[in-house]
Amino acid sequence: MTASKDVSDRLWVPDNPDGSGWAPVDWVSAARGTRYHYQHGAPLAEAEAARSPFYVVVTRLESADLAPHENRYYVAAGRLADFLAEVSLVGGAEVIWHVEACAEPPGESGVGR
């Protein structure tokens, strides 16, 4: 057993023998009081190979000055977390509406070239 596995085993006691379970959300005010599901993850290379290569981030823009509309951003998987953080922090009236997996973005998006 490795040192990091020893520490992980001491700090985390899962609900189920397979390492999965449910735990209360205690760090996000918007989701506080709910529970999230956890499970062991695959090694990074395996997990990256299994996920979608691209995502569509749909945002909604609505303000007193603009008619409501939705924007679709096509984002490579490796840039998804940074893109979501950027929209969350500096999007202003533009908010994340939903995120979808995308096998291949349209050519017009300029993504994936």
N, C-alpha and C. Protein backbone atom coordinates (compact mmCIF):
# COMPACT_ATOMS: atom_id res chain seq x y z
N MET A 1 0.85 -1.18 0.00
CA MET A 1 0.00 0.00 0.00
C MET A 1 0.89 1.24 0.00
N THR A 2 0.54 2.24 -0.80
CA THR A 2 1.34 3.46 -0.87
C THR A 2 0.96 4.41 0.26
N ALA A 3 1.86 5.36 0.51
CA ALA A 3 1.60 6.32 1.58
C ALA A 3 0.33 7.12 1.30
N SER A 4 0.13 7.54 0.04
CA SER A 4 -1.07 8.33 -0.26
C SER A 4 -2.33 7.50 -0.10
N LYS A 5 -2.28 6.20 -0.41
CA LYS A 5 -3.44 5.33 -0.22
C LYS A 5 -3.71 5.17 1.27
N ASP A 6 -2.66 5.04 2.08
CA ASP A 6 -2.84 4.95 3.54
C ASP A 6 -3.58 6.17 4.07
N VAL A 7 -3.15 7.35 3.65
CA VAL A 7 -3.79 8.59 4.10
C VAL A 7 -5.23 8.64 3.62
N SER A 8 -5.45 8.30 2.34
CA SER A 8 -6.81 8.32 1.78
C SER A 8 -7.72 7.37 2.55
N ASP A 9 -7.24 6.19 2.86
CA ASP A 9 -8.05 5.22 3.60
C ASP A 9 -8.40 5.71 5.00
N ARG A 10 -7.50 6.46 5.63
CA ARG A 10 -7.77 6.98 6.97
C ARG A 10 -8.73 8.16 6.94
N LEU A 11 -8.67 8.96 5.89
CA LEU A 11 -9.49 10.18 5.82
C LEU A 11 -10.86 9.96 5.21
N TRP A 12 -11.04 8.87 4.50
CA TRP A 12 -12.29 8.66 3.77
C TRP A 12 -12.81 7.27 4.03
N VAL A 13 -13.96 7.16 4.63
CA VAL A 13 -14.60 5.87 4.87
C VAL A 13 -15.89 5.85 4.06
N PRO A 14 -15.89 5.13 2.93
CA PRO A 14 -17.07 5.13 2.07
C PRO A 14 -18.24 4.37 2.68
N ASP A 15 -19.45 4.65 2.17
CA ASP A 15 -20.66 3.96 2.62
C ASP A 15 -20.68 2.50 2.19
N ASN A 16 -20.16 2.23 0.99
CA ASN A 16 -20.27 0.90 0.39
C ASN A 16 -18.90 0.28 0.16
N PRO A 17 -18.82 -1.05 0.14
CA PRO A 17 -17.54 -1.73 -0.07
C PRO A 17 -16.85 -1.36 -1.39
N ASP A 18 -17.63 -0.96 -2.41
CA ASP A 18 -17.01 -0.60 -3.70
C ASP A 18 -16.44 0.82 -3.70
N GLY A 19 -16.51 1.50 -2.56
CA GLY A 19 -15.96 2.84 -2.46
C GLY A 19 -16.93 3.94 -2.83
N SER A 20 -18.20 3.62 -3.01
CA SER A 20 -19.19 4.62 -3.39
C SER A 20 -20.08 4.97 -2.20
N GLY A 21 -20.87 6.01 -2.39
CA GLY A 21 -21.82 6.39 -1.35
C GLY A 21 -22.38 7.78 -1.58
N TRP A 22 -23.06 8.27 -0.57
CA TRP A 22 -23.66 9.59 -0.61
C TRP A 22 -23.15 10.40 0.57
N ALA A 23 -22.94 11.70 0.36
CA ALA A 23 -22.47 12.57 1.44
C ALA A 23 -23.17 13.92 1.32
N PRO A 24 -23.34 14.61 2.45
CA PRO A 24 -24.00 15.91 2.40
C PRO A 24 -23.12 16.96 1.72
N VAL A 25 -23.74 17.83 0.96
CA VAL A 25 -23.04 18.97 0.39
C VAL A 25 -22.93 20.01 1.49
N ASP A 26 -21.70 20.40 1.82
CA ASP A 26 -21.54 21.36 2.91
C ASP A 26 -20.65 22.53 2.52
N TRP A 27 -20.33 22.67 1.26
CA TRP A 27 -19.40 23.73 0.87
C TRP A 27 -19.94 24.68 -0.19
N VAL A 28 -21.11 24.42 -0.75
CA VAL A 28 -21.67 25.29 -1.78
C VAL A 28 -23.04 25.77 -1.30
N SER A 29 -23.19 27.05 -1.15
CA SER A 29 -24.45 27.55 -0.60
C SER A 29 -25.64 27.22 -1.49
N ALA A 30 -25.47 27.21 -2.81
CA ALA A 30 -26.59 26.94 -3.71
C ALA A 30 -27.07 25.49 -3.62
N ALA A 31 -26.21 24.61 -3.16
CA ALA A 31 -26.59 23.19 -3.07
C ALA A 31 -26.58 22.68 -1.63
N ARG A 32 -26.31 23.56 -0.68
CA ARG A 32 -26.26 23.14 0.73
C ARG A 32 -27.56 22.47 1.13
N GLY A 33 -27.46 21.42 1.91
CA GLY A 33 -28.65 20.69 2.35
C GLY A 33 -28.99 19.51 1.46
N THR A 34 -28.32 19.40 0.30
CA THR A 34 -28.53 18.24 -0.57
C THR A 34 -27.38 17.26 -0.38
N ARG A 35 -27.40 16.19 -1.13
CA ARG A 35 -26.33 15.20 -1.04
C ARG A 35 -25.76 14.94 -2.43
N TYR A 36 -24.49 14.60 -2.47
CA TYR A 36 -23.86 14.25 -3.74
C TYR A 36 -23.42 12.79 -3.69
N HIS A 37 -23.33 12.16 -4.86
CA HIS A 37 -22.88 10.77 -4.94
C HIS A 37 -21.39 10.76 -5.24
N TYR A 38 -20.65 9.88 -4.60
CA TYR A 38 -19.22 9.74 -4.86
C TYR A 38 -18.89 8.29 -5.18
N GLN A 39 -17.79 8.11 -5.89
CA GLN A 39 -17.28 6.77 -6.20
C GLN A 39 -15.81 6.92 -6.57
N HIS A 40 -15.08 5.80 -6.52
CA HIS A 40 -13.69 5.84 -6.94
C HIS A 40 -13.63 6.20 -8.42
N GLY A 41 -12.63 6.96 -8.81
CA GLY A 41 -12.46 7.34 -10.21
C GLY A 41 -11.40 6.48 -10.87
N ALA A 42 -11.50 6.38 -12.18
CA ALA A 42 -10.49 5.67 -12.96
C ALA A 42 -9.19 6.47 -12.95
N PRO A 43 -8.07 5.82 -13.25
CA PRO A 43 -6.82 6.58 -13.40
C PRO A 43 -7.00 7.68 -14.46
N LEU A 44 -6.28 8.77 -14.32
CA LEU A 44 -6.49 9.95 -15.15
C LEU A 44 -6.48 9.66 -16.65
N ALA A 45 -5.50 8.94 -17.15
CA ALA A 45 -5.43 8.66 -18.59
C ALA A 45 -6.66 7.90 -19.06
N GLU A 46 -7.10 6.95 -18.27
CA GLU A 46 -8.29 6.16 -18.62
C GLU A 46 -9.55 7.04 -18.58
N ALA A 47 -9.65 7.88 -17.58
CA ALA A 47 -10.82 8.77 -17.45
C ALA A 47 -10.86 9.77 -18.60
N GLU A 48 -9.72 10.33 -18.96
CA GLU A 48 -9.68 11.28 -20.07
C GLU A 48 -10.07 10.62 -21.38
N ALA A 49 -9.63 9.38 -21.59
CA ALA A 49 -9.96 8.65 -22.82
C ALA A 49 -11.45 8.33 -22.91
N ALA A 50 -12.10 8.17 -21.76
CA ALA A 50 -13.51 7.77 -21.73
C ALA A 50 -14.48 8.95 -21.86
N ARG A 51 -14.02 10.16 -21.54
CA ARG A 51 -14.97 11.28 -21.58
C ARG A 51 -15.09 11.85 -22.99
N SER A 52 -16.14 12.60 -23.19
CA SER A 52 -16.40 13.24 -24.48
C SER A 52 -15.23 14.16 -24.84
N PRO A 53 -14.86 14.23 -26.11
CA PRO A 53 -13.76 15.11 -26.48
C PRO A 53 -14.14 16.60 -26.47
N PHE A 54 -15.43 16.88 -26.57
CA PHE A 54 -15.91 18.26 -26.60
C PHE A 54 -17.20 18.39 -25.79
N TYR A 55 -17.50 19.62 -25.41
CA TYR A 55 -18.74 19.92 -24.70
C TYR A 55 -19.36 21.17 -25.29
N VAL A 56 -20.68 21.24 -25.20
CA VAL A 56 -21.42 22.45 -25.56
C VAL A 56 -21.85 23.08 -24.24
N VAL A 57 -21.41 24.29 -24.01
CA VAL A 57 -21.83 25.04 -22.83
C VAL A 57 -22.89 26.02 -23.30
N VAL A 58 -24.11 25.82 -22.82
CA VAL A 58 -25.21 26.70 -23.21
C VAL A 58 -25.40 27.72 -22.09
N THR A 59 -25.36 28.98 -22.49
CA THR A 59 -25.57 30.05 -21.52
C THR A 59 -26.85 30.78 -21.87
N ARG A 60 -27.38 31.45 -20.89
CA ARG A 60 -28.58 32.27 -21.10
C ARG A 60 -28.22 33.69 -20.71
N LEU A 61 -28.56 34.60 -21.59
CA LEU A 61 -28.30 36.01 -21.36
C LEU A 61 -29.64 36.73 -21.32
N GLU A 62 -29.89 37.35 -20.20
CA GLU A 62 -31.17 38.03 -20.02
C GLU A 62 -30.94 39.23 -19.10
N SER A 63 -31.35 40.38 -19.57
CA SER A 63 -31.21 41.58 -18.74
C SER A 63 -32.30 42.57 -19.13
N ALA A 64 -32.38 43.64 -18.38
CA ALA A 64 -33.37 44.68 -18.67
C ALA A 64 -33.10 45.34 -20.02
N ASP A 65 -31.86 45.30 -20.48
CA ASP A 65 -31.48 45.96 -21.73
C ASP A 65 -31.51 45.06 -22.96
N LEU A 66 -31.52 43.74 -22.76
CA LEU A 66 -31.41 42.81 -23.88
C LEU A 66 -32.56 41.82 -23.89
N ALA A 67 -32.99 41.45 -25.08
CA ALA A 67 -33.98 40.38 -25.21
C ALA A 67 -33.31 39.07 -24.78
N PRO A 68 -34.03 38.17 -24.12
CA PRO A 68 -33.41 36.92 -23.68
C PRO A 68 -32.95 36.08 -24.88
N HIS A 69 -31.78 35.51 -24.73
CA HIS A 69 -31.32 34.56 -25.74
C HIS A 69 -30.30 33.60 -25.13
N GLU A 70 -30.02 32.55 -25.87
CA GLU A 70 -29.06 31.54 -25.43
C GLU A 70 -27.86 31.54 -26.37
N ASN A 71 -26.69 31.32 -25.80
CA ASN A 71 -25.44 31.19 -26.56
C ASN A 71 -24.92 29.77 -26.38
N ARG A 72 -24.35 29.22 -27.43
CA ARG A 72 -23.74 27.89 -27.37
C ARG A 72 -22.25 28.02 -27.64
N TYR A 73 -21.46 27.62 -26.65
CA TYR A 73 -20.01 27.64 -26.77
C TYR A 73 -19.54 26.20 -26.89
N TYR A 74 -18.73 25.91 -27.90
CA TYR A 74 -18.17 24.57 -28.08
C TYR A 74 -16.76 24.61 -27.50
N VAL A 75 -16.50 23.69 -26.56
CA VAL A 75 -15.27 23.74 -25.79
C VAL A 75 -14.61 22.37 -25.78
N ALA A 76 -13.30 22.33 -26.02
CA ALA A 76 -12.56 21.07 -25.91
C ALA A 76 -12.57 20.61 -24.45
N ALA A 77 -12.63 19.31 -24.24
CA ALA A 77 -12.74 18.75 -22.89
C ALA A 77 -11.65 19.27 -21.95
N GLY A 78 -10.43 19.39 -22.45
CA GLY A 78 -9.33 19.85 -21.61
C GLY A 78 -9.43 21.29 -21.16
N ARG A 79 -10.32 22.05 -21.77
CA ARG A 79 -10.50 23.47 -21.41
C ARG A 79 -11.83 23.73 -20.71
N LEU A 80 -12.61 22.68 -20.49
CA LEU A 80 -13.96 22.86 -19.94
C LEU A 80 -13.95 23.52 -18.56
N ALA A 81 -13.15 23.03 -17.64
CA ALA A 81 -13.15 23.59 -16.28
C ALA A 81 -12.78 25.07 -16.29
N ASP A 82 -11.75 25.43 -17.05
CA ASP A 82 -11.35 26.84 -17.11
C ASP A 82 -12.44 27.70 -17.74
N PHE A 83 -13.09 27.18 -18.79
CA PHE A 83 -14.15 27.95 -19.44
C PHE A 83 -15.32 28.17 -18.48
N LEU A 84 -15.73 27.12 -17.78
CA LEU A 84 -16.85 27.26 -16.83
C LEU A 84 -16.51 28.26 -15.73
N ALA A 85 -15.27 28.21 -15.24
CA ALA A 85 -14.85 29.16 -14.20
C ALA A 85 -14.90 30.58 -14.74
N GLU A 86 -14.43 30.76 -15.97
CA GLU A 86 -14.41 32.10 -16.56
C GLU A 86 -15.82 32.66 -16.72
N VAL A 87 -16.73 31.86 -17.26
CA VAL A 87 -18.11 32.34 -17.42
C VAL A 87 -18.73 32.63 -16.06
N SER A 88 -18.47 31.76 -15.09
CA SER A 88 -19.04 31.96 -13.75
C SER A 88 -18.55 33.24 -13.10
N LEU A 89 -17.28 33.56 -13.29
CA LEU A 89 -16.70 34.71 -12.61
C LEU A 89 -16.92 36.03 -13.34
N VAL A 90 -16.92 36.02 -14.67
CA VAL A 90 -16.97 37.30 -15.39
C VAL A 90 -18.09 37.37 -16.43
N GLY A 91 -19.02 36.44 -16.37
CA GLY A 91 -20.10 36.41 -17.36
C GLY A 91 -21.14 37.49 -17.22
N GLY A 92 -21.20 38.15 -16.08
CA GLY A 92 -22.20 39.19 -15.88
C GLY A 92 -23.60 38.63 -15.97
N ALA A 93 -24.40 39.18 -16.87
CA ALA A 93 -25.79 38.73 -17.04
C ALA A 93 -25.88 37.39 -17.76
N GLU A 94 -24.77 36.94 -18.32
CA GLU A 94 -24.74 35.65 -19.02
C GLU A 94 -24.43 34.54 -18.01
N VAL A 95 -25.37 33.62 -17.83
CA VAL A 95 -25.21 32.56 -16.84
C VAL A 95 -25.19 31.19 -17.52
N ILE A 96 -24.53 30.24 -16.89
CA ILE A 96 -24.49 28.88 -17.43
C ILE A 96 -25.88 28.29 -17.30
N TRP A 97 -26.43 27.82 -18.40
CA TRP A 97 -27.76 27.24 -18.43
C TRP A 97 -27.68 25.73 -18.33
N HIS A 98 -26.84 25.11 -19.16
CA HIS A 98 -26.56 23.68 -19.04
C HIS A 98 -25.34 23.32 -19.87
N VAL A 99 -24.80 22.12 -19.63
CA VAL A 99 -23.61 21.62 -20.32
C VAL A 99 -23.94 20.25 -20.89
N GLU A 100 -23.59 20.04 -22.16
CA GLU A 100 -23.86 18.77 -22.84
C GLU A 100 -22.57 18.22 -23.44
N ALA A 101 -22.45 16.90 -23.47
CA ALA A 101 -21.34 16.27 -24.19
C ALA A 101 -21.56 16.48 -25.68
N CYS A 102 -20.47 16.58 -26.43
CA CYS A 102 -20.55 16.82 -27.87
C CYS A 102 -19.44 16.00 -28.54
N ALA A 103 -19.81 15.07 -29.40
CA ALA A 103 -18.81 14.22 -30.06
C ALA A 103 -17.92 15.03 -31.00
N GLU A 104 -18.52 15.98 -31.71
CA GLU A 104 -17.76 16.79 -32.67
C GLU A 104 -18.44 18.14 -32.84
N PRO A 105 -17.72 19.23 -32.61
CA PRO A 105 -18.33 20.54 -32.76
C PRO A 105 -18.51 20.89 -34.23
N PRO A 106 -19.45 21.78 -34.53
CA PRO A 106 -19.61 22.22 -35.92
C PRO A 106 -18.34 22.93 -36.40
N GLY A 107 -18.05 22.80 -37.67
CA GLY A 107 -16.87 23.44 -38.23
C GLY A 107 -16.84 24.94 -38.00
N GLU A 108 -18.02 25.55 -38.02
CA GLU A 108 -18.12 27.00 -37.83
C GLU A 108 -17.60 27.45 -36.46
N SER A 109 -17.54 26.54 -35.50
CA SER A 109 -17.11 26.92 -34.15
C SER A 109 -15.61 27.21 -34.08
N GLY A 110 -14.85 26.66 -35.00
CA GLY A 110 -13.40 26.86 -34.96
C GLY A 110 -12.70 26.02 -33.90
N VAL A 111 -13.43 25.17 -33.22
CA VAL A 111 -12.87 24.33 -32.15
C VAL A 111 -12.44 22.99 -32.75
N GLY A 112 -11.31 22.48 -32.30
CA GLY A 112 -10.88 21.16 -32.72
C GLY A 112 -10.03 21.15 -33.97
N ARG A 113 -9.64 22.31 -34.43
CA ARG A 113 -8.78 22.36 -35.63
C ARG A 113 -7.36 22.09 -35.28
